[in-house]
Amino acid sequence: MMTTTQLKAILWQCTKINFFFLLFTFVVLLLAEPVYHIHQYFYSGSLEEFKQTLYYMMGIYKLFWLFFNVVPYVALIRLEKKA
């Protein structure tokens, strides 16, 4: 059985890993033109559509990150403070 301290440690690690993945995605978004040219074989849309797709995917990932990593972590911290 997992304790709340262990769960909090796991959620913190997941939050950090996913945050750095978001930063990496942001860098890819900044360098969208070279990335687009590398992946042009797989993506048939224009550069603007490519940027929109990256931005959209980053937004969805950020929402999932908040709801499944950050919110449970903060909830566990608040529960520990009450107890």
PDB file of N, CA and C in Angstrom:
ATOM      1  N   MET A   1       0.847  -1.192   0.000  1.00  0.00           N
ATOM      2  CA  MET A   1       0.000   0.000   0.000  1.00  0.00           C
ATOM      3  C   MET A   1       0.886   1.247   0.000  1.00  0.00           C
ATOM      4  N   MET A   2       0.514   2.230  -0.788  1.00  0.00           N
ATOM      5  CA  MET A   2       1.301   3.440  -0.923  1.00  0.00           C
ATOM      6  C   MET A   2       0.843   4.484   0.093  1.00  0.00           C
ATOM      7  N   THR A   3       1.803   5.123   0.744  1.00  0.00           N
ATOM      8  CA  THR A   3       1.467   6.186   1.686  1.00  0.00           C
ATOM      9  C   THR A   3       1.306   7.502   0.932  1.00  0.00           C
ATOM     10  N   THR A   4       0.739   8.477   1.615  1.00  0.00           N
ATOM     11  CA  THR A   4       0.561   9.782   0.964  1.00  0.00           C
ATOM     12  C   THR A   4       1.901  10.448   0.695  1.00  0.00           C
ATOM     13  N   THR A   5       2.889  10.190   1.529  1.00  0.00           N
ATOM     14  CA  THR A   5       4.219  10.757   1.304  1.00  0.00           C
ATOM     15  C   THR A   5       4.836  10.184   0.034  1.00  0.00           C
ATOM     16  N   GLN A   6       4.699   8.877  -0.171  1.00  0.00           N
ATOM     17  CA  GLN A   6       5.218   8.265  -1.392  1.00  0.00           C
ATOM     18  C   GLN A   6       4.477   8.771  -2.623  1.00  0.00           C
ATOM     19  N   LEU A   7       3.161   8.876  -2.510  1.00  0.00           N
ATOM     20  CA  LEU A   7       2.361   9.373  -3.633  1.00  0.00           C
ATOM     21  C   LEU A   7       2.735  10.809  -3.969  1.00  0.00           C
ATOM     22  N   LYS A   8       2.955  11.611  -2.930  1.00  0.00           N
ATOM     23  CA  LYS A   8       3.351  12.997  -3.142  1.00  0.00           C
ATOM     24  C   LYS A   8       4.715  13.069  -3.835  1.00  0.00           C
ATOM     25  N   ALA A   9       5.642  12.212  -3.454  1.00  0.00           N
ATOM     26  CA  ALA A   9       6.971  12.191  -4.083  1.00  0.00           C
ATOM     27  C   ALA A   9       6.869  11.782  -5.551  1.00  0.00           C
ATOM     28  N   ILE A  10       6.038  10.786  -5.847  1.00  0.00           N
ATOM     29  CA  ILE A  10       5.855  10.357  -7.236  1.00  0.00           C
ATOM     30  C   ILE A  10       5.218  11.460  -8.066  1.00  0.00           C
ATOM     31  N   LEU A  11       4.188  12.096  -7.523  1.00  0.00           N
ATOM     32  CA  LEU A  11       3.530  13.185  -8.260  1.00  0.00           C
ATOM     33  C   LEU A  11       4.483  14.350  -8.492  1.00  0.00           C
ATOM     34  N   TRP A  12       5.351  14.642  -7.526  1.00  0.00           N
ATOM     35  CA  TRP A  12       6.313  15.731  -7.694  1.00  0.00           C
ATOM     36  C   TRP A  12       7.299  15.402  -8.821  1.00  0.00           C
ATOM     37  N   GLN A  13       7.786  14.158  -8.859  1.00  0.00           N
ATOM     38  CA  GLN A  13       8.691  13.744  -9.926  1.00  0.00           C
ATOM     39  C   GLN A  13       7.998  13.829 -11.290  1.00  0.00           C
ATOM     40  N   CYS A  14       6.766  13.353 -11.357  1.00  0.00           N
ATOM     41  CA  CYS A  14       6.008  13.422 -12.616  1.00  0.00           C
ATOM     42  C   CYS A  14       5.780  14.866 -13.045  1.00  0.00           C
ATOM     43  N   THR A  15       5.491  15.729 -12.081  1.00  0.00           N
ATOM     44  CA  THR A  15       5.269  17.140 -12.382  1.00  0.00           C
ATOM     45  C   THR A  15       6.527  17.765 -12.970  1.00  0.00           C
ATOM     46  N   LYS A  16       7.685  17.468 -12.382  1.00  0.00           N
ATOM     47  CA  LYS A  16       8.942  18.027 -12.894  1.00  0.00           C
ATOM     48  C   LYS A  16       9.258  17.504 -14.297  1.00  0.00           C
ATOM     49  N   ILE A  17       9.115  16.197 -14.498  1.00  0.00           N
ATOM     50  CA  ILE A  17       9.411  15.611 -15.809  1.00  0.00           C
ATOM     51  C   ILE A  17       8.504  16.207 -16.879  1.00  0.00           C
ATOM     52  N   ASN A  18       7.214  16.293 -16.584  1.00  0.00           N
ATOM     53  CA  ASN A  18       6.270  16.837 -17.561  1.00  0.00           C
ATOM     54  C   ASN A  18       6.475  18.323 -17.794  1.00  0.00           C
ATOM     55  N   PHE A  19       6.915  19.063 -16.778  1.00  0.00           N
ATOM     56  CA  PHE A  19       7.208  20.479 -16.957  1.00  0.00           C
ATOM     57  C   PHE A  19       8.374  20.656 -17.925  1.00  0.00           C
ATOM     58  N   PHE A  20       9.415  19.842 -17.783  1.00  0.00           N
ATOM     59  CA  PHE A  20      10.550  19.953 -18.702  1.00  0.00           C
ATOM     60  C   PHE A  20      10.161  19.532 -20.111  1.00  0.00           C
ATOM     61  N   PHE A  21       9.232  18.593 -20.227  1.00  0.00           N
ATOM     62  CA  PHE A  21       8.722  18.243 -21.547  1.00  0.00           C
ATOM     63  C   PHE A  21       7.967  19.426 -22.155  1.00  0.00           C
ATOM     64  N   LEU A  22       7.210  20.159 -21.336  1.00  0.00           N
ATOM     65  CA  LEU A  22       6.533  21.367 -21.819  1.00  0.00           C
ATOM     66  C   LEU A  22       7.544  22.426 -22.266  1.00  0.00           C
ATOM     67  N   LEU A  23       8.626  22.578 -21.514  1.00  0.00           N
ATOM     68  CA  LEU A  23       9.665  23.526 -21.923  1.00  0.00           C
ATOM     69  C   LEU A  23      10.289  23.113 -23.254  1.00  0.00           C
ATOM     70  N   PHE A  24      10.537  21.825 -23.425  1.00  0.00           N
ATOM     71  CA  PHE A  24      11.080  21.325 -24.678  1.00  0.00           C
ATOM     72  C   PHE A  24      10.120  21.614 -25.831  1.00  0.00           C
ATOM     73  N   THR A  25       8.829  21.403 -25.595  1.00  0.00           N
ATOM     74  CA  THR A  25       7.822  21.673 -26.619  1.00  0.00           C
ATOM     75  C   THR A  25       7.793  23.157 -26.966  1.00  0.00           C
ATOM     76  N   PHE A  26       7.976  24.013 -25.962  1.00  0.00           N
ATOM     77  CA  PHE A  26       8.032  25.450 -26.199  1.00  0.00           C
ATOM     78  C   PHE A  26       9.227  25.811 -27.087  1.00  0.00           C
ATOM     79  N   VAL A  27      10.366  25.195 -26.834  1.00  0.00           N
ATOM     80  CA  VAL A  27      11.552  25.441 -27.658  1.00  0.00           C
ATOM     81  C   VAL A  27      11.294  24.968 -29.097  1.00  0.00           C
ATOM     82  N   VAL A  28      10.651  23.816 -29.233  1.00  0.00           N
ATOM     83  CA  VAL A  28      10.314  23.325 -30.575  1.00  0.00           C
ATOM     84  C   VAL A  28       9.379  24.310 -31.262  1.00  0.00           C
ATOM     85  N   LEU A  29       8.456  24.903 -30.503  1.00  0.00           N
ATOM     86  CA  LEU A  29       7.541  25.886 -31.079  1.00  0.00           C
ATOM     87  C   LEU A  29       8.299  27.138 -31.525  1.00  0.00           C
ATOM     88  N   LEU A  30       9.317  27.521 -30.764  1.00  0.00           N
ATOM     89  CA  LEU A  30      10.132  28.671 -31.171  1.00  0.00           C
ATOM     90  C   LEU A  30      10.922  28.375 -32.446  1.00  0.00           C
ATOM     91  N   LEU A  31      11.342  27.129 -32.581  1.00  0.00           N
ATOM     92  CA  LEU A  31      12.121  26.721 -33.752  1.00  0.00           C
ATOM     93  C   LEU A  31      11.244  25.945 -34.731  1.00  0.00           C
ATOM     94  N   ALA A  32      10.021  26.382 -34.901  1.00  0.00           N
ATOM     95  CA  ALA A  32       9.051  25.620 -35.692  1.00  0.00           C
ATOM     96  C   ALA A  32       9.457  25.483 -37.160  1.00  0.00           C
ATOM     97  N   GLU A  33      10.100  26.491 -37.709  1.00  0.00           N
ATOM     98  CA  GLU A  33      10.436  26.424 -39.142  1.00  0.00           C
ATOM     99  C   GLU A  33      11.442  25.317 -39.451  1.00  0.00           C
ATOM    100  N   PRO A  34      12.572  25.231 -38.715  1.00  0.00           N
ATOM    101  CA  PRO A  34      13.483  24.109 -39.009  1.00  0.00           C
ATOM    102  C   PRO A  34      12.861  22.741 -38.706  1.00  0.00           C
ATOM    103  N   VAL A  35      12.067  22.674 -37.651  1.00  0.00           N
ATOM    104  CA  VAL A  35      11.412  21.416 -37.309  1.00  0.00           C
ATOM    105  C   VAL A  35      10.409  21.042 -38.393  1.00  0.00           C
ATOM    106  N   TYR A  36       9.722  22.038 -38.924  1.00  0.00           N
ATOM    107  CA  TYR A  36       8.762  21.791 -40.006  1.00  0.00           C
ATOM    108  C   TYR A  36       9.467  21.224 -41.234  1.00  0.00           C
ATOM    109  N   HIS A  37      10.616  21.772 -41.561  1.00  0.00           N
ATOM    110  CA  HIS A  37      11.337  21.290 -42.742  1.00  0.00           C
ATOM    111  C   HIS A  37      11.848  19.863 -42.551  1.00  0.00           C
ATOM    112  N   ILE A  38      12.197  19.522 -41.320  1.00  0.00           N
ATOM    113  CA  ILE A  38      12.633  18.149 -41.039  1.00  0.00           C
ATOM    114  C   ILE A  38      11.469  17.177 -41.176  1.00  0.00           C
ATOM    115  N   HIS A  39      10.287  17.580 -40.688  1.00  0.00           N
ATOM    116  CA  HIS A  39       9.122  16.697 -40.672  1.00  0.00           C
ATOM    117  C   HIS A  39       8.153  16.935 -41.826  1.00  0.00           C
ATOM    118  N   GLN A  40       8.562  17.676 -42.808  1.00  0.00           N
ATOM    119  CA  GLN A  40       7.691  18.008 -43.933  1.00  0.00           C
ATOM    120  C   GLN A  40       7.235  16.757 -44.688  1.00  0.00           C
ATOM    121  N   TYR A  41       8.041  15.731 -44.675  1.00  0.00           N
ATOM    122  CA  TYR A  41       7.686  14.474 -45.348  1.00  0.00           C
ATOM    123  C   TYR A  41       6.453  13.843 -44.708  1.00  0.00           C
ATOM    124  N   PHE A  42       6.321  13.979 -43.362  1.00  0.00           N
ATOM    125  CA  PHE A  42       5.209  13.364 -42.637  1.00  0.00           C
ATOM    126  C   PHE A  42       4.004  14.281 -42.509  1.00  0.00           C
ATOM    127  N   TYR A  43       4.214  15.584 -42.622  1.00  0.00           N
ATOM    128  CA  TYR A  43       3.145  16.566 -42.407  1.00  0.00           C
ATOM    129  C   TYR A  43       2.888  17.298 -43.716  1.00  0.00           C
ATOM    130  N   SER A  44       1.672  17.185 -44.224  1.00  0.00           N
ATOM    131  CA  SER A  44       1.384  17.762 -45.541  1.00  0.00           C
ATOM    132  C   SER A  44       0.845  19.196 -45.484  1.00  0.00           C
ATOM    133  N   GLY A  45       0.643  19.750 -44.304  1.00  0.00           N
ATOM    134  CA  GLY A  45       0.090  21.094 -44.183  1.00  0.00           C
ATOM    135  C   GLY A  45       1.153  22.173 -44.334  1.00  0.00           C
ATOM    136  N   SER A  46       0.708  23.424 -44.218  1.00  0.00           N
ATOM    137  CA  SER A  46       1.620  24.566 -44.326  1.00  0.00           C
ATOM    138  C   SER A  46       2.331  24.795 -42.987  1.00  0.00           C
ATOM    139  N   LEU A  47       3.294  25.713 -43.014  1.00  0.00           N
ATOM    140  CA  LEU A  47       4.029  26.050 -41.794  1.00  0.00           C
ATOM    141  C   LEU A  47       3.098  26.622 -40.734  1.00  0.00           C
ATOM    142  N   GLU A  48       2.159  27.464 -41.144  1.00  0.00           N
ATOM    143  CA  GLU A  48       1.207  28.042 -40.189  1.00  0.00           C
ATOM    144  C   GLU A  48       0.333  26.968 -39.546  1.00  0.00           C
ATOM    145  N   GLU A  49      -0.117  26.015 -40.361  1.00  0.00           N
ATOM    146  CA  GLU A  49      -0.912  24.914 -39.815  1.00  0.00           C
ATOM    147  C   GLU A  49      -0.070  24.061 -38.862  1.00  0.00           C
ATOM    148  N   PHE A  50       1.202  23.892 -39.190  1.00  0.00           N
ATOM    149  CA  PHE A  50       2.115  23.143 -38.331  1.00  0.00           C
ATOM    150  C   PHE A  50       2.266  23.837 -36.985  1.00  0.00           C
ATOM    151  N   LYS A  51       2.449  25.157 -37.006  1.00  0.00           N
ATOM    152  CA  LYS A  51       2.563  25.926 -35.758  1.00  0.00           C
ATOM    153  C   LYS A  51       1.274  25.839 -34.949  1.00  0.00           C
ATOM    154  N   GLN A  52       0.131  25.949 -35.620  1.00  0.00           N
ATOM    155  CA  GLN A  52      -1.154  25.835 -34.927  1.00  0.00           C
ATOM    156  C   GLN A  52      -1.316  24.471 -34.279  1.00  0.00           C
ATOM    157  N   THR A  53      -0.926  23.438 -34.998  1.00  0.00           N
ATOM    158  CA  THR A  53      -1.032  22.084 -34.465  1.00  0.00           C
ATOM    159  C   THR A  53      -0.138  21.921 -33.241  1.00  0.00           C
ATOM    160  N   LEU A  54       1.097  22.410 -33.310  1.00  0.00           N
ATOM    161  CA  LEU A  54       1.998  22.332 -32.165  1.00  0.00           C
ATOM    162  C   LEU A  54       1.442  23.098 -30.966  1.00  0.00           C
ATOM    163  N   TYR A  55       0.933  24.292 -31.215  1.00  0.00           N
ATOM    164  CA  TYR A  55       0.386  25.120 -30.141  1.00  0.00           C
ATOM    165  C   TYR A  55      -0.835  24.452 -29.509  1.00  0.00           C
ATOM    166  N   TYR A  56      -1.687  23.873 -30.344  1.00  0.00           N
ATOM    167  CA  TYR A  56      -2.874  23.174 -29.864  1.00  0.00           C
ATOM    168  C   TYR A  56      -2.484  21.961 -29.012  1.00  0.00           C
ATOM    169  N   MET A  57      -1.538  21.188 -29.496  1.00  0.00           N
ATOM    170  CA  MET A  57      -1.093  20.006 -28.753  1.00  0.00           C
ATOM    171  C   MET A  57      -0.439  20.409 -27.433  1.00  0.00           C
ATOM    172  N   MET A  58       0.313  21.498 -27.443  1.00  0.00           N
ATOM    173  CA  MET A  58       0.945  21.981 -26.216  1.00  0.00           C
ATOM    174  C   MET A  58      -0.109  22.425 -25.201  1.00  0.00           C
ATOM    175  N   GLY A  59      -1.157  23.057 -25.668  1.00  0.00           N
ATOM    176  CA  GLY A  59      -2.234  23.481 -24.769  1.00  0.00           C
ATOM    177  C   GLY A  59      -2.960  22.303 -24.142  1.00  0.00           C
ATOM    178  N   ILE A  60      -3.240  21.288 -24.931  1.00  0.00           N
ATOM    179  CA  ILE A  60      -3.908  20.091 -24.401  1.00  0.00           C
ATOM    180  C   ILE A  60      -2.992  19.390 -23.403  1.00  0.00           C
ATOM    181  N   TYR A  61      -1.712  19.270 -23.741  1.00  0.00           N
ATOM    182  CA  TYR A  61      -0.754  18.637 -22.833  1.00  0.00           C
ATOM    183  C   TYR A  61      -0.667  19.398 -21.516  1.00  0.00           C
ATOM    184  N   LYS A  62      -0.678  20.739 -21.599  1.00  0.00           N
ATOM    185  CA  LYS A  62      -0.612  21.556 -20.392  1.00  0.00           C
ATOM    186  C   LYS A  62      -1.837  21.341 -19.510  1.00  0.00           C
ATOM    187  N   LEU A  63      -3.010  21.239 -20.124  1.00  0.00           N
ATOM    188  CA  LEU A  63      -4.217  20.976 -19.337  1.00  0.00           C
ATOM    189  C   LEU A  63      -4.148  19.618 -18.640  1.00  0.00           C
ATOM    190  N   PHE A  64      -3.722  18.603 -19.379  1.00  0.00           N
ATOM    191  CA  PHE A  64      -3.568  17.283 -18.762  1.00  0.00           C
ATOM    192  C   PHE A  64      -2.532  17.329 -17.640  1.00  0.00           C
ATOM    193  N   TRP A  65      -1.445  18.031 -17.851  1.00  0.00           N
ATOM    194  CA  TRP A  65      -0.396  18.158 -16.841  1.00  0.00           C
ATOM    195  C   TRP A  65      -0.948  18.805 -15.571  1.00  0.00           C
ATOM    196  N   LEU A  66      -1.712  19.866 -15.752  1.00  0.00           N
ATOM    197  CA  LEU A  66      -2.287  20.538 -14.586  1.00  0.00           C
ATOM    198  C   LEU A  66      -3.260  19.640 -13.834  1.00  0.00           C
ATOM    199  N   PHE A  67      -4.166  19.000 -14.563  1.00  0.00           N
ATOM    200  CA  PHE A  67      -5.211  18.215 -13.905  1.00  0.00           C
ATOM    201  C   PHE A  67      -4.727  16.892 -13.333  1.00  0.00           C
ATOM    202  N   PHE A  68      -3.722  16.280 -13.935  1.00  0.00           N
ATOM    203  CA  PHE A  68      -3.302  14.955 -13.485  1.00  0.00           C
ATOM    204  C   PHE A  68      -1.998  14.953 -12.697  1.00  0.00           C
ATOM    205  N   ASN A  69      -1.257  16.063 -12.661  1.00  0.00           N
ATOM    206  CA  ASN A  69      -0.026  16.127 -11.882  1.00  0.00           C
ATOM    207  C   ASN A  69      -0.064  17.218 -10.830  1.00  0.00           C
ATOM    208  N   VAL A  70      -0.307  18.436 -11.248  1.00  0.00           N
ATOM    209  CA  VAL A  70      -0.206  19.568 -10.331  1.00  0.00           C
ATOM    210  C   VAL A  70      -1.353  19.599  -9.331  1.00  0.00           C
ATOM    211  N   VAL A  71      -2.576  19.472  -9.797  1.00  0.00           N
ATOM    212  CA  VAL A  71      -3.733  19.545  -8.893  1.00  0.00           C
ATOM    213  C   VAL A  71      -3.699  18.437  -7.832  1.00  0.00           C
ATOM    214  N   PRO A  72      -3.460  17.162  -8.191  1.00  0.00           N
ATOM    215  CA  PRO A  72      -3.374  16.149  -7.135  1.00  0.00           C
ATOM    216  C   PRO A  72      -2.221  16.402  -6.162  1.00  0.00           C
ATOM    217  N   TYR A  73      -1.091  16.895  -6.661  1.00  0.00           N
ATOM    218  CA  TYR A  73       0.039  17.198  -5.790  1.00  0.00           C
ATOM    219  C   TYR A  73      -0.321  18.287  -4.785  1.00  0.00           C
ATOM    220  N   VAL A  74      -0.926  19.358  -5.261  1.00  0.00           N
ATOM    221  CA  VAL A  74      -1.332  20.454  -4.372  1.00  0.00           C
ATOM    222  C   VAL A  74      -2.401  19.969  -3.388  1.00  0.00           C
ATOM    223  N   ALA A  75      -3.315  19.132  -3.845  1.00  0.00           N
ATOM    224  CA  ALA A  75      -4.347  18.588  -2.956  1.00  0.00           C
ATOM    225  C   ALA A  75      -3.717  17.750  -1.834  1.00  0.00           C
ATOM    226  N   LEU A  76      -2.723  16.950  -2.171  1.00  0.00           N
ATOM    227  CA  LEU A  76      -2.051  16.155  -1.134  1.00  0.00           C
ATOM    228  C   LEU A  76      -1.304  17.035  -0.148  1.00  0.00           C
ATOM    229  N   ILE A  77      -0.689  18.092  -0.621  1.00  0.00           N
ATOM    230  CA  ILE A  77       0.000  19.017   0.287  1.00  0.00           C
ATOM    231  C   ILE A  77      -0.997  19.658   1.238  1.00  0.00           C
ATOM    232  N   ARG A  78      -2.141  20.079   0.714  1.00  0.00           N
ATOM    233  CA  ARG A  78      -3.166  20.710   1.562  1.00  0.00           C
ATOM    234  C   ARG A  78      -3.744  19.717   2.556  1.00  0.00           C
ATOM    235  N   LEU A  79      -3.924  18.458   2.153  1.00  0.00           N
ATOM    236  CA  LEU A  79      -4.412  17.437   3.069  1.00  0.00           C
ATOM    237  C   LEU A  79      -3.410  17.182   4.200  1.00  0.00           C
ATOM    238  N   GLU A  80      -2.131  17.160   3.888  1.00  0.00           N
ATOM    239  CA  GLU A  80      -1.109  16.953   4.913  1.00  0.00           C
ATOM    240  C   GLU A  80      -1.073  18.112   5.906  1.00  0.00           C
ATOM    241  N   LYS A  81      -1.285  19.324   5.433  1.00  0.00           N
ATOM    242  CA  LYS A  81      -1.264  20.480   6.326  1.00  0.00           C
ATOM    243  C   LYS A  81      -2.454  20.487   7.278  1.00  0.00           C
ATOM    244  N   LYS A  82      -3.603  19.973   6.807  1.00  0.00           N
ATOM    245  CA  LYS A  82      -4.788  19.903   7.659  1.00  0.00           C
ATOM    246  C   LYS A  82      -4.644  18.840   8.743  1.00  0.00           C
ATOM    247  N   ALA A  83      -3.939  17.762   8.420  1.00  0.00           N
ATOM    248  CA  ALA A  83      -3.830  16.635   9.358  1.00  0.00           C
ATOM    249  C   ALA A  83      -2.800  16.877  10.429  1.00  0.00           C
TER     250      ALA A  83
END
